[in-house]
């Protein structure tokens, strides 16, 4: 069987949604899905020498953000969640937009760790995030959502 990545992702989301419908009591359990996290390669991809070094400030506008794979993946998630629209405790945390603005939050050339020095320009990490940083904001969103739903009283 030959299948592209998006088709495989769509099938896996369908399988997970069917499992949640049959096996998860959403009266007792809250299910969260997170939208896709963007990458910030400029001038290519990981394989073709894309880079993100010298990004020291967040973007001030979403202008120029267009990632068809990211949009397609998030559409698949939203479409799958529509099938559980009657389940109030199944929710999407949309972190894509806020993360797109943080082009400065990637480890870039410094992903090898202390004492290793910067990585070669053609092997930059523009997809993973520095900690503390953007993923902590995602955790704050999750926390705020739980508090808003009355958990933690």
Foldseek 3Di string as FASTA:
>chain_A
DDDDPLVVLLVVLLVVLVCCVPPPDLVPDAAEDEADADFDFPPDDLQPLTFLPPPAAFAPDLPPDDDPVSVSRRVSNVVSVVVVVVRPRYYYDYLHPVNSRPQVFACTQNPPDPPPPGHDSSRTTRGDGDPPDSVVVSVVVVVVVCVVVPPPD
